[in-house]
Amino acid sequence: MSLQKEIIDIINDVLMLDGNTDDFDGDTGLLGAIPEFDSIAVVSLVTALEEEFGCTFDDDELNADVFATVGSLTSVVQQKLDE
């Protein structure tokens, strides 16, 4: 399974989207595009990503650009995994 697909699955679980992520890809908007994706969801998603991939995100690494699309989020997670 690709990293992007794993992240989409985590987004589906955290936001409780009931599988409505089947057509998500790298260009799918997140922050501002999905009503369920609010500040509480961001915290929950970051926690889930940290637990799943064994990495940590510093507050200064996280901004709106990171959560703009599935692709931008995947890129940041990939960078963490490459460290």
Protein backbone atom coordinates (compact mmCIF):
# COMPACT_ATOMS: atom_id res chain seq x y z
CA MET A 1 0.00 0.00 0.00
CA SER A 2 1.32 3.42 -0.88
CA LEU A 3 1.99 6.06 1.74
CA GLN A 4 -0.67 8.30 0.20
CA LYS A 5 -3.26 5.51 0.40
CA GLU A 6 -2.36 4.87 4.04
CA ILE A 7 -2.80 8.58 4.81
CA ILE A 8 -6.15 8.64 3.01
CA ASP A 9 -7.26 5.66 5.11
CA ILE A 10 -6.22 7.50 8.28
CA ILE A 11 -8.10 10.62 7.14
CA ASN A 12 -11.16 8.44 6.52
CA ASP A 13 -10.94 6.95 10.00
CA VAL A 14 -10.17 10.19 11.89
CA LEU A 15 -12.87 12.22 10.14
CA MET A 16 -15.32 9.29 10.19
CA LEU A 17 -16.05 9.72 6.48
CA ASP A 18 -17.40 6.16 6.13
CA GLY A 19 -15.40 5.32 3.02
CA ASN A 20 -16.22 8.54 1.18
CA THR A 21 -12.51 8.88 0.51
CA ASP A 22 -12.41 6.30 -2.30
CA ASP A 23 -11.92 9.01 -4.92
CA PHE A 24 -9.34 10.99 -2.92
CA ASP A 25 -5.97 11.55 -4.58
CA GLY A 26 -3.00 13.87 -4.15
CA ASP A 27 -4.96 16.87 -5.42
CA THR A 28 -7.88 16.41 -3.02
CA GLY A 29 -8.29 19.49 -0.85
CA LEU A 30 -8.40 19.10 2.91
CA LEU A 31 -8.42 22.25 5.04
CA GLY A 32 -11.33 24.39 3.90
CA ALA A 33 -12.55 21.76 1.45
CA ILE A 34 -13.92 19.10 3.80
CA PRO A 35 -16.43 20.38 6.38
CA GLU A 36 -15.34 17.78 8.93
CA PHE A 37 -11.71 18.93 8.68
CA ASP A 38 -11.58 21.54 11.45
CA SER A 39 -8.98 22.41 14.08
CA ILE A 40 -9.98 19.48 16.30
CA ALA A 41 -9.65 17.13 13.33
CA VAL A 42 -6.17 18.50 12.59
CA VAL A 43 -5.03 17.61 16.11
CA SER A 44 -6.60 14.16 15.88
CA LEU A 45 -5.07 13.55 12.46
CA VAL A 46 -1.59 14.61 13.57
CA THR A 47 -1.86 12.30 16.59
CA ALA A 48 -2.97 9.41 14.39
CA LEU A 49 -0.13 10.02 11.92
CA GLU A 50 2.44 10.17 14.72
CA GLU A 51 1.15 6.91 16.16
CA GLU A 52 0.95 5.12 12.81
CA PHE A 53 4.34 6.18 11.46
CA GLY A 54 6.32 6.61 14.69
CA CYS A 55 7.28 10.20 14.01
CA THR A 56 6.65 13.51 15.73
CA PHE A 57 5.67 16.87 14.31
CA ASP A 58 6.81 20.09 15.92
CA ASP A 59 4.26 22.90 16.08
CA ASP A 60 6.38 25.09 13.80
CA GLU A 61 6.27 22.38 11.10
CA LEU A 62 2.51 22.44 10.90
CA ASN A 63 0.70 25.17 9.01
CA ALA A 64 -2.19 25.52 6.59
CA ASP A 65 0.04 24.65 3.62
CA VAL A 66 0.71 21.20 5.09
CA PHE A 67 -3.02 20.48 5.21
CA ALA A 68 -3.92 22.06 1.86
CA THR A 69 -4.17 18.74 -0.01
CA VAL A 70 -3.65 15.04 0.48
CA GLY A 71 -0.48 15.42 -1.57
CA SER A 72 0.98 18.19 0.58
CA LEU A 73 0.28 16.19 3.73
CA THR A 74 1.81 13.08 2.19
CA SER A 75 4.95 15.03 1.27
CA VAL A 76 5.42 16.23 4.84
CA VAL A 77 4.93 12.74 6.25
CA GLN A 78 7.39 11.34 3.68
CA GLN A 79 9.97 13.94 4.74
CA LYS A 80 9.52 12.84 8.37
CA LEU A 81 9.99 9.20 7.43
CA ASP A 82 13.16 10.04 5.48
CA GLU A 83 14.77 11.81 8.46
